[in-house]
Structures are given as structure tokens and as C-alpha cells.
Amino acid sequence: MKKYMNMLYWLAMAALVVYFAYSKGWIMTNFETISAKQAERLLENDQNITLLDVRTIEEFKTGHLRDAKLIPLGKLEENLNKLKNDKDEKIIVYCRTGSRSIAASRILEKHGFVPLNVKSGIIGLIDSGAEIIK
């Protein structure tokens, strides 16, 4: 019985590790994760990129990147039609810290879009000197 309980414990721990790695976007991703600096460079040099903020309306009002389109994560799947029809166009996705944008990138990728997840979110963008507007 003790051996069985020990095996269950390690199985549960392994499942937690896999879940954590999945939620952080470290495994099972079909999209690219970029740094805040890379996002800034892309925005400066490529006019065919959509910028998507997946935070809440309240968070968006406290400050966001210029030209960012707000679609909160919980409403993303039902509002994909608000994104450009050119699914080959890249979409830079950000949230506060980079966690919700992973979930959003998974949704976008599932529907044929090309998401670029900003791994440190708007906090990283602010730290890298991105212009924030209110």
C-alpha cells in the first residue's frame, strides 16, 4: 500500500510540473515567444503587425501601447472576427506579465493566426522603455 501511495505522489507531482510548464508556454506551443525589445523592434519596422492587448478593460485604461486593440482573454474566441482576416499577418499579444497572453496565443494559433507572445507582458514593455498611453 505504501508503495502505491508513493507512486501516486510522484505521479501527481509530475502532473503538476507538466501543467506548470504548459501554463508558462514552455511546452506544447506552436507559436513564438518574444522579448519586449523584440516586440518594440517589430512594431517600429513592420507596419503589417497587429498589436493585441488581452488584459481587462480596467487594466487597459491604466495604460497600454499605442494602436493596441483590446480584446480581453475571456472574450477572445468569440471576437476573433475583430482581427484582420489575413491570418498570415503576425499578431503581437501581450497582457500584464505574459501568462494570459500564452493562453491567448494558444487560442489564436488554434484558429490559424500567427501570434507572437510577449513573454514579460506590459511590465517588460514598460521596463524596456515602450511608450505607454492612457
N, C-alpha and C. Protein backbone atom coordinates (compact mmCIF):
# COMPACT_ATOMS: atom_id res chain seq x y z
N MET A 1 0.83 -1.20 0.00
CA MET A 1 0.00 0.00 0.00
C MET A 1 0.87 1.26 0.00
N LYS A 2 1.95 1.25 0.82
CA LYS A 2 2.82 2.40 0.90
C LYS A 2 3.48 2.67 -0.45
N LYS A 3 3.87 1.60 -1.14
CA LYS A 3 4.50 1.75 -2.46
C LYS A 3 3.51 2.39 -3.45
N TYR A 4 2.26 1.98 -3.38
CA TYR A 4 1.20 2.52 -4.24
C TYR A 4 1.00 4.02 -3.96
N MET A 5 0.96 4.41 -2.71
CA MET A 5 0.78 5.82 -2.33
C MET A 5 1.98 6.65 -2.78
N ASN A 6 3.17 6.10 -2.65
CA ASN A 6 4.38 6.79 -3.08
C ASN A 6 4.35 7.02 -4.59
N MET A 7 3.89 6.03 -5.34
CA MET A 7 3.81 6.16 -6.79
C MET A 7 2.76 7.21 -7.16
N LEU A 8 1.64 7.24 -6.47
CA LEU A 8 0.61 8.25 -6.72
C LEU A 8 1.14 9.66 -6.44
N TYR A 9 1.91 9.79 -5.38
CA TYR A 9 2.50 11.08 -5.03
C TYR A 9 3.39 11.58 -6.17
N TRP A 10 4.27 10.73 -6.66
CA TRP A 10 5.19 11.14 -7.73
C TRP A 10 4.45 11.38 -9.04
N LEU A 11 3.42 10.65 -9.31
CA LEU A 11 2.61 10.87 -10.49
C LEU A 11 1.91 12.23 -10.42
N ALA A 12 1.38 12.57 -9.25
CA ALA A 12 0.73 13.86 -9.05
C ALA A 12 1.76 15.00 -9.20
N MET A 13 2.94 14.80 -8.66
CA MET A 13 4.00 15.82 -8.79
C MET A 13 4.39 16.02 -10.25
N ALA A 14 4.51 14.94 -10.98
CA ALA A 14 4.86 15.02 -12.41
C ALA A 14 3.75 15.76 -13.17
N ALA A 15 2.51 15.47 -12.85
CA ALA A 15 1.38 16.14 -13.50
C ALA A 15 1.41 17.64 -13.21
N LEU A 16 1.74 18.02 -11.99
CA LEU A 16 1.85 19.44 -11.64
C LEU A 16 2.96 20.13 -12.42
N VAL A 17 4.08 19.46 -12.56
CA VAL A 17 5.20 20.03 -13.31
C VAL A 17 4.80 20.23 -14.78
N VAL A 18 4.16 19.24 -15.36
CA VAL A 18 3.71 19.34 -16.76
C VAL A 18 2.70 20.48 -16.90
N TYR A 19 1.74 20.54 -15.98
CA TYR A 19 0.74 21.62 -16.03
C TYR A 19 1.41 22.99 -15.92
N PHE A 20 2.35 23.14 -15.01
CA PHE A 20 3.05 24.41 -14.82
C PHE A 20 3.82 24.78 -16.09
N ALA A 21 4.54 23.84 -16.66
CA ALA A 21 5.30 24.10 -17.89
C ALA A 21 4.37 24.46 -19.04
N TYR A 22 3.22 23.80 -19.13
CA TYR A 22 2.23 24.11 -20.16
C TYR A 22 1.67 25.51 -19.97
N SER A 23 1.32 25.87 -18.74
CA SER A 23 0.73 27.19 -18.48
C SER A 23 1.72 28.32 -18.72
N LYS A 24 3.02 28.04 -18.58
CA LYS A 24 4.06 29.03 -18.84
C LYS A 24 4.46 29.09 -20.31
N GLY A 25 3.91 28.19 -21.12
CA GLY A 25 4.22 28.17 -22.54
C GLY A 25 5.58 27.56 -22.86
N TRP A 26 6.12 26.79 -21.92
CA TRP A 26 7.43 26.17 -22.13
C TRP A 26 7.34 24.91 -22.96
N ILE A 27 6.18 24.28 -22.97
CA ILE A 27 5.99 23.04 -23.73
C ILE A 27 4.71 23.12 -24.53
N MET A 28 4.63 22.30 -25.56
CA MET A 28 3.43 22.15 -26.39
C MET A 28 2.92 23.49 -26.94
N THR A 29 3.82 24.28 -27.51
CA THR A 29 3.42 25.54 -28.14
C THR A 29 3.75 25.50 -29.62
N ASN A 30 2.90 26.10 -30.41
CA ASN A 30 3.14 26.23 -31.85
C ASN A 30 3.23 27.71 -32.22
N PHE A 31 3.65 28.52 -31.27
CA PHE A 31 3.81 29.95 -31.52
C PHE A 31 5.12 30.40 -30.90
N GLU A 32 5.57 31.56 -31.34
CA GLU A 32 6.84 32.09 -30.87
C GLU A 32 6.62 33.02 -29.68
N THR A 33 7.53 32.97 -28.74
CA THR A 33 7.54 33.90 -27.62
C THR A 33 8.70 34.85 -27.83
N ILE A 34 8.43 36.15 -27.70
CA ILE A 34 9.45 37.16 -27.96
C ILE A 34 9.65 38.04 -26.73
N SER A 35 10.79 38.70 -26.69
CA SER A 35 11.07 39.63 -25.59
C SER A 35 10.39 40.97 -25.87
N ALA A 36 10.35 41.80 -24.87
CA ALA A 36 9.78 43.14 -25.03
C ALA A 36 10.56 43.94 -26.07
N LYS A 37 11.88 43.84 -26.05
CA LYS A 37 12.71 44.55 -27.04
C LYS A 37 12.41 44.07 -28.45
N GLN A 38 12.27 42.77 -28.64
CA GLN A 38 11.93 42.24 -29.96
C GLN A 38 10.58 42.77 -30.42
N ALA A 39 9.62 42.83 -29.51
CA ALA A 39 8.29 43.36 -29.84
C ALA A 39 8.40 44.81 -30.29
N GLU A 40 9.17 45.61 -29.56
CA GLU A 40 9.33 47.02 -29.92
C GLU A 40 9.95 47.16 -31.31
N ARG A 41 11.00 46.37 -31.59
CA ARG A 41 11.64 46.43 -32.90
C ARG A 41 10.67 46.06 -34.01
N LEU A 42 9.89 45.02 -33.80
CA LEU A 42 8.90 44.61 -34.81
C LEU A 42 7.88 45.71 -35.06
N LEU A 43 7.40 46.33 -33.99
CA LEU A 43 6.41 47.40 -34.13
C LEU A 43 6.99 48.61 -34.86
N GLU A 44 8.27 48.88 -34.66
CA GLU A 44 8.91 50.01 -35.34
C GLU A 44 9.15 49.74 -36.82
N ASN A 45 9.43 48.48 -37.17
CA ASN A 45 9.89 48.16 -38.52
C ASN A 45 8.88 47.47 -39.42
N ASP A 46 7.75 47.05 -38.90
CA ASP A 46 6.79 46.30 -39.71
C ASP A 46 5.39 46.88 -39.51
N GLN A 47 4.83 47.44 -40.55
CA GLN A 47 3.51 48.07 -40.47
C GLN A 47 2.37 47.05 -40.58
N ASN A 48 2.69 45.80 -40.88
CA ASN A 48 1.66 44.77 -41.05
C ASN A 48 1.52 43.87 -39.84
N ILE A 49 1.72 44.43 -38.68
CA ILE A 49 1.58 43.66 -37.43
C ILE A 49 0.42 44.22 -36.63
N THR A 50 -0.40 43.33 -36.12
CA THR A 50 -1.48 43.73 -35.22
C THR A 50 -0.96 43.62 -33.79
N LEU A 51 -1.34 44.56 -32.96
CA LEU A 51 -0.95 44.57 -31.55
C LEU A 51 -2.20 44.30 -30.74
N LEU A 52 -2.19 43.22 -29.98
CA LEU A 52 -3.37 42.78 -29.24
C LEU A 52 -3.10 42.75 -27.74
N ASP A 53 -3.91 43.48 -27.00
CA ASP A 53 -3.86 43.53 -25.54
C ASP A 53 -5.00 42.64 -25.04
N VAL A 54 -4.69 41.63 -24.23
CA VAL A 54 -5.73 40.70 -23.76
C VAL A 54 -6.04 40.88 -22.28
N ARG A 55 -5.68 42.04 -21.73
CA ARG A 55 -5.99 42.32 -20.32
C ARG A 55 -7.45 42.76 -20.20
N THR A 56 -7.86 43.12 -19.01
CA THR A 56 -9.23 43.59 -18.78
C THR A 56 -9.35 45.05 -19.24
N ILE A 57 -10.58 45.50 -19.35
CA ILE A 57 -10.83 46.89 -19.74
C ILE A 57 -10.21 47.83 -18.71
N GLU A 58 -10.35 47.50 -17.44
CA GLU A 58 -9.80 48.35 -16.37
C GLU A 58 -8.27 48.45 -16.48
N GLU A 59 -7.62 47.32 -16.73
CA GLU A 59 -6.16 47.33 -16.89
C GLU A 59 -5.75 48.16 -18.11
N PHE A 60 -6.49 48.00 -19.19
CA PHE A 60 -6.21 48.73 -20.43
C PHE A 60 -6.27 50.24 -20.20
N LYS A 61 -7.27 50.67 -19.42
CA LYS A 61 -7.44 52.10 -19.14
C LYS A 61 -6.29 52.68 -18.32
N THR A 62 -5.58 51.84 -17.56
CA THR A 62 -4.46 52.34 -16.76
C THR A 62 -3.22 52.60 -17.62
N GLY A 63 -3.20 52.09 -18.83
CA GLY A 63 -2.10 52.32 -19.74
C GLY A 63 -1.91 51.15 -20.68
N HIS A 64 -1.66 51.48 -21.96
CA HIS A 64 -1.48 50.45 -22.98
C HIS A 64 -0.56 50.99 -24.08
N LEU A 65 -0.18 50.14 -24.99
CA LEU A 65 0.65 50.57 -26.11
C LEU A 65 -0.22 51.25 -27.16
N ARG A 66 0.37 52.22 -27.83
CA ARG A 66 -0.34 52.93 -28.90
C ARG A 66 -0.79 51.93 -29.96
N ASP A 67 -1.98 52.12 -30.46
CA ASP A 67 -2.58 51.29 -31.51
C ASP A 67 -2.91 49.86 -31.08
N ALA A 68 -2.86 49.58 -29.79
CA ALA A 68 -3.21 48.24 -29.32
C ALA A 68 -4.72 48.04 -29.40
N LYS A 69 -5.10 46.89 -29.86
CA LYS A 69 -6.52 46.51 -29.91
C LYS A 69 -6.81 45.71 -28.64
N LEU A 70 -7.84 46.10 -27.91
CA LEU A 70 -8.20 45.40 -26.68
C LEU A 70 -9.27 44.35 -26.96
N ILE A 71 -8.93 43.11 -26.66
CA ILE A 71 -9.91 42.03 -26.61
C ILE A 71 -9.53 41.20 -25.38
N PRO A 72 -10.24 41.37 -24.27
CA PRO A 72 -9.90 40.61 -23.06
C PRO A 72 -9.87 39.10 -23.33
N LEU A 73 -8.98 38.41 -22.68
CA LEU A 73 -8.79 36.98 -22.91
C LEU A 73 -10.10 36.21 -22.87
N GLY A 74 -10.94 36.47 -21.90
CA GLY A 74 -12.20 35.75 -21.76
C GLY A 74 -13.17 35.95 -22.91
N LYS A 75 -12.94 36.97 -23.72
CA LYS A 75 -13.83 37.26 -24.85
C LYS A 75 -13.14 37.07 -26.20
N LEU A 76 -11.91 36.58 -26.18
CA LEU A 76 -11.12 36.49 -27.40
C LEU A 76 -11.74 35.56 -28.44
N GLU A 77 -12.05 34.35 -28.03
CA GLU A 77 -12.52 33.36 -29.01
C GLU A 77 -13.79 33.82 -29.72
N GLU A 78 -14.66 34.52 -29.02
CA GLU A 78 -15.91 34.98 -29.66
C GLU A 78 -15.73 36.28 -30.43
N ASN A 79 -14.54 36.89 -30.37
CA ASN A 79 -14.29 38.15 -31.07
C ASN A 79 -13.14 38.08 -32.06
N LEU A 80 -12.83 36.89 -32.53
CA LEU A 80 -11.73 36.74 -33.50
C LEU A 80 -12.01 37.50 -34.79
N ASN A 81 -13.29 37.73 -35.08
CA ASN A 81 -13.65 38.47 -36.29
C ASN A 81 -13.19 39.93 -36.23
N LYS A 82 -12.82 40.43 -35.06
CA LYS A 82 -12.33 41.80 -34.93
C LYS A 82 -10.86 41.92 -35.33
N LEU A 83 -10.23 40.79 -35.55
CA LEU A 83 -8.84 40.79 -36.01
C LEU A 83 -8.84 40.73 -37.53
N LYS A 84 -7.77 41.18 -38.12
CA LYS A 84 -7.68 41.20 -39.58
C LYS A 84 -7.86 39.80 -40.14
N ASN A 85 -8.40 39.75 -41.34
CA ASN A 85 -8.66 38.46 -41.97
C ASN A 85 -7.40 37.78 -42.48
N ASP A 86 -6.31 38.53 -42.66
CA ASP A 86 -5.07 37.95 -43.16
C ASP A 86 -4.41 37.16 -42.04
N LYS A 87 -4.64 35.87 -42.03
CA LYS A 87 -4.14 35.04 -40.93
C LYS A 87 -2.63 34.81 -41.00
N ASP A 88 -1.99 35.23 -42.09
CA ASP A 88 -0.53 35.13 -42.17
C ASP A 88 0.13 36.31 -41.49
N GLU A 89 -0.64 37.35 -41.23
CA GLU A 89 -0.09 38.53 -40.55
C GLU A 89 0.17 38.19 -39.09
N LYS A 90 1.28 38.67 -38.59
CA LYS A 90 1.65 38.39 -37.20
C LYS A 90 0.85 39.27 -36.25
N ILE A 91 0.55 38.70 -35.08
CA ILE A 91 -0.16 39.41 -34.03
C ILE A 91 0.71 39.38 -32.78
N ILE A 92 1.16 40.54 -32.32
CA ILE A 92 1.90 40.63 -31.07
C ILE A 92 0.87 40.66 -29.95
N VAL A 93 0.96 39.70 -29.04
CA VAL A 93 -0.02 39.54 -27.96
C VAL A 93 0.64 39.83 -26.62
N TYR A 94 0.01 40.72 -25.84
CA TYR A 94 0.55 40.98 -24.50
C TYR A 94 -0.56 41.09 -23.48
N CYS A 95 -0.19 40.84 -22.23
CA CYS A 95 -1.09 41.02 -21.09
C CYS A 95 -0.28 41.77 -20.03
N ARG A 96 -0.45 41.47 -18.79
CA ARG A 96 0.31 42.17 -17.74
C ARG A 96 1.70 41.57 -17.56
N THR A 97 1.76 40.23 -17.41
CA THR A 97 3.05 39.59 -17.13
C THR A 97 3.45 38.53 -18.15
N GLY A 98 2.58 38.18 -19.05
CA GLY A 98 2.89 37.18 -20.05
C GLY A 98 2.18 35.86 -19.89
N SER A 99 1.33 35.72 -18.88
CA SER A 99 0.61 34.45 -18.67
C SER A 99 -0.67 34.37 -19.48
N ARG A 100 -1.51 35.38 -19.40
CA ARG A 100 -2.75 35.37 -20.17
C ARG A 100 -2.47 35.40 -21.67
N SER A 101 -1.37 36.07 -22.05
CA SER A 101 -1.05 36.13 -23.47
C SER A 101 -0.65 34.76 -24.02
N ILE A 102 -0.16 33.87 -23.16
CA ILE A 102 0.12 32.50 -23.60
C ILE A 102 -1.19 31.81 -23.94
N ALA A 103 -2.18 31.94 -23.07
CA ALA A 103 -3.50 31.35 -23.34
C ALA A 103 -4.11 31.95 -24.60
N ALA A 104 -3.97 33.26 -24.76
CA ALA A 104 -4.50 33.93 -25.95
C ALA A 104 -3.77 33.45 -27.21
N SER A 105 -2.47 33.29 -27.11
CA SER A 105 -1.69 32.81 -28.27
C SER A 105 -2.11 31.41 -28.66
N ARG A 106 -2.42 30.58 -27.68
CA ARG A 106 -2.90 29.22 -27.97
C ARG A 106 -4.23 29.28 -28.74
N ILE A 107 -5.13 30.18 -28.32
CA ILE A 107 -6.42 30.34 -29.00
C ILE A 107 -6.19 30.83 -30.43
N LEU A 108 -5.38 31.85 -30.57
CA LEU A 108 -5.11 32.42 -31.90
C LEU A 108 -4.50 31.37 -32.83
N GLU A 109 -3.51 30.65 -32.33
CA GLU A 109 -2.84 29.63 -33.14
C GLU A 109 -3.83 28.54 -33.56
N LYS A 110 -4.70 28.16 -32.65
CA LYS A 110 -5.71 27.13 -32.95
C LYS A 110 -6.62 27.55 -34.11
N HIS A 111 -6.82 28.87 -34.25
CA HIS A 111 -7.70 29.38 -35.30
C HIS A 111 -6.93 29.88 -36.52
N GLY A 112 -5.66 29.52 -36.61
CA GLY A 112 -4.89 29.80 -37.82
C GLY A 112 -4.13 31.10 -37.85
N PHE A 113 -4.13 31.86 -36.76
CA PHE A 113 -3.37 33.11 -36.71
C PHE A 113 -1.91 32.83 -36.37
N VAL A 114 -1.07 33.86 -36.53
CA VAL A 114 0.36 33.75 -36.22
C VAL A 114 0.66 34.67 -35.03
N PRO A 115 0.48 34.17 -33.80
CA PRO A 115 0.72 35.01 -32.62
C PRO A 115 2.20 35.04 -32.23
N LEU A 116 2.60 36.18 -31.69
CA LEU A 116 3.92 36.36 -31.09
C LEU A 116 3.66 36.80 -29.65
N ASN A 117 3.90 35.92 -28.71
CA ASN A 117 3.63 36.20 -27.31
C ASN A 117 4.77 37.01 -26.70
N VAL A 118 4.43 38.14 -26.04
CA VAL A 118 5.43 38.93 -25.33
C VAL A 118 5.58 38.32 -23.95
N LYS A 119 6.75 37.71 -23.72
CA LYS A 119 6.91 36.88 -22.52
C LYS A 119 6.83 37.63 -21.20
N SER A 120 7.14 38.88 -21.17
CA SER A 120 7.10 39.62 -19.90
C SER A 120 5.94 40.60 -19.83
N GLY A 121 5.06 40.56 -20.82
CA GLY A 121 3.88 41.40 -20.82
C GLY A 121 4.18 42.89 -20.82
N ILE A 122 3.18 43.66 -20.42
CA ILE A 122 3.34 45.11 -20.43
C ILE A 122 4.37 45.56 -19.39
N ILE A 123 4.55 44.78 -18.35
CA ILE A 123 5.58 45.13 -17.36
C ILE A 123 6.95 45.14 -18.02
N GLY A 124 7.24 44.12 -18.81
CA GLY A 124 8.51 44.08 -19.54
C GLY A 124 8.60 45.17 -20.58
N LEU A 125 7.48 45.47 -21.23
CA LEU A 125 7.47 46.53 -22.23
C LEU A 125 7.76 47.89 -21.58
N ILE A 126 7.18 48.13 -20.43
CA ILE A 126 7.46 49.38 -19.70
C ILE A 126 8.92 49.44 -19.30
N ASP A 127 9.44 48.33 -18.78
CA ASP A 127 10.85 48.28 -18.36
C ASP A 127 11.80 48.50 -19.52
N SER A 128 11.39 48.11 -20.73
CA SER A 128 12.26 48.28 -21.88
C SER A 128 12.11 49.65 -22.54
N GLY A 129 11.22 50.48 -21.98
CA GLY A 129 11.08 51.86 -22.46
C GLY A 129 9.97 52.10 -23.46
N ALA A 130 9.06 51.14 -23.61
CA ALA A 130 7.95 51.32 -24.56
C ALA A 130 7.06 52.47 -24.11
N GLU A 131 6.53 53.21 -25.07
CA GLU A 131 5.64 54.32 -24.77
C GLU A 131 4.26 53.79 -24.38
N ILE A 132 3.82 54.18 -23.22
CA ILE A 132 2.51 53.76 -22.70
C ILE A 132 1.58 54.97 -22.75
N ILE A 133 0.38 54.76 -23.28
CA ILE A 133 -0.61 55.83 -23.33
C ILE A 133 -1.81 55.45 -22.50
N LYS A 134 -2.57 56.46 -22.07
CA LYS A 134 -3.77 56.21 -21.27
C LYS A 134 -4.99 56.73 -21.98
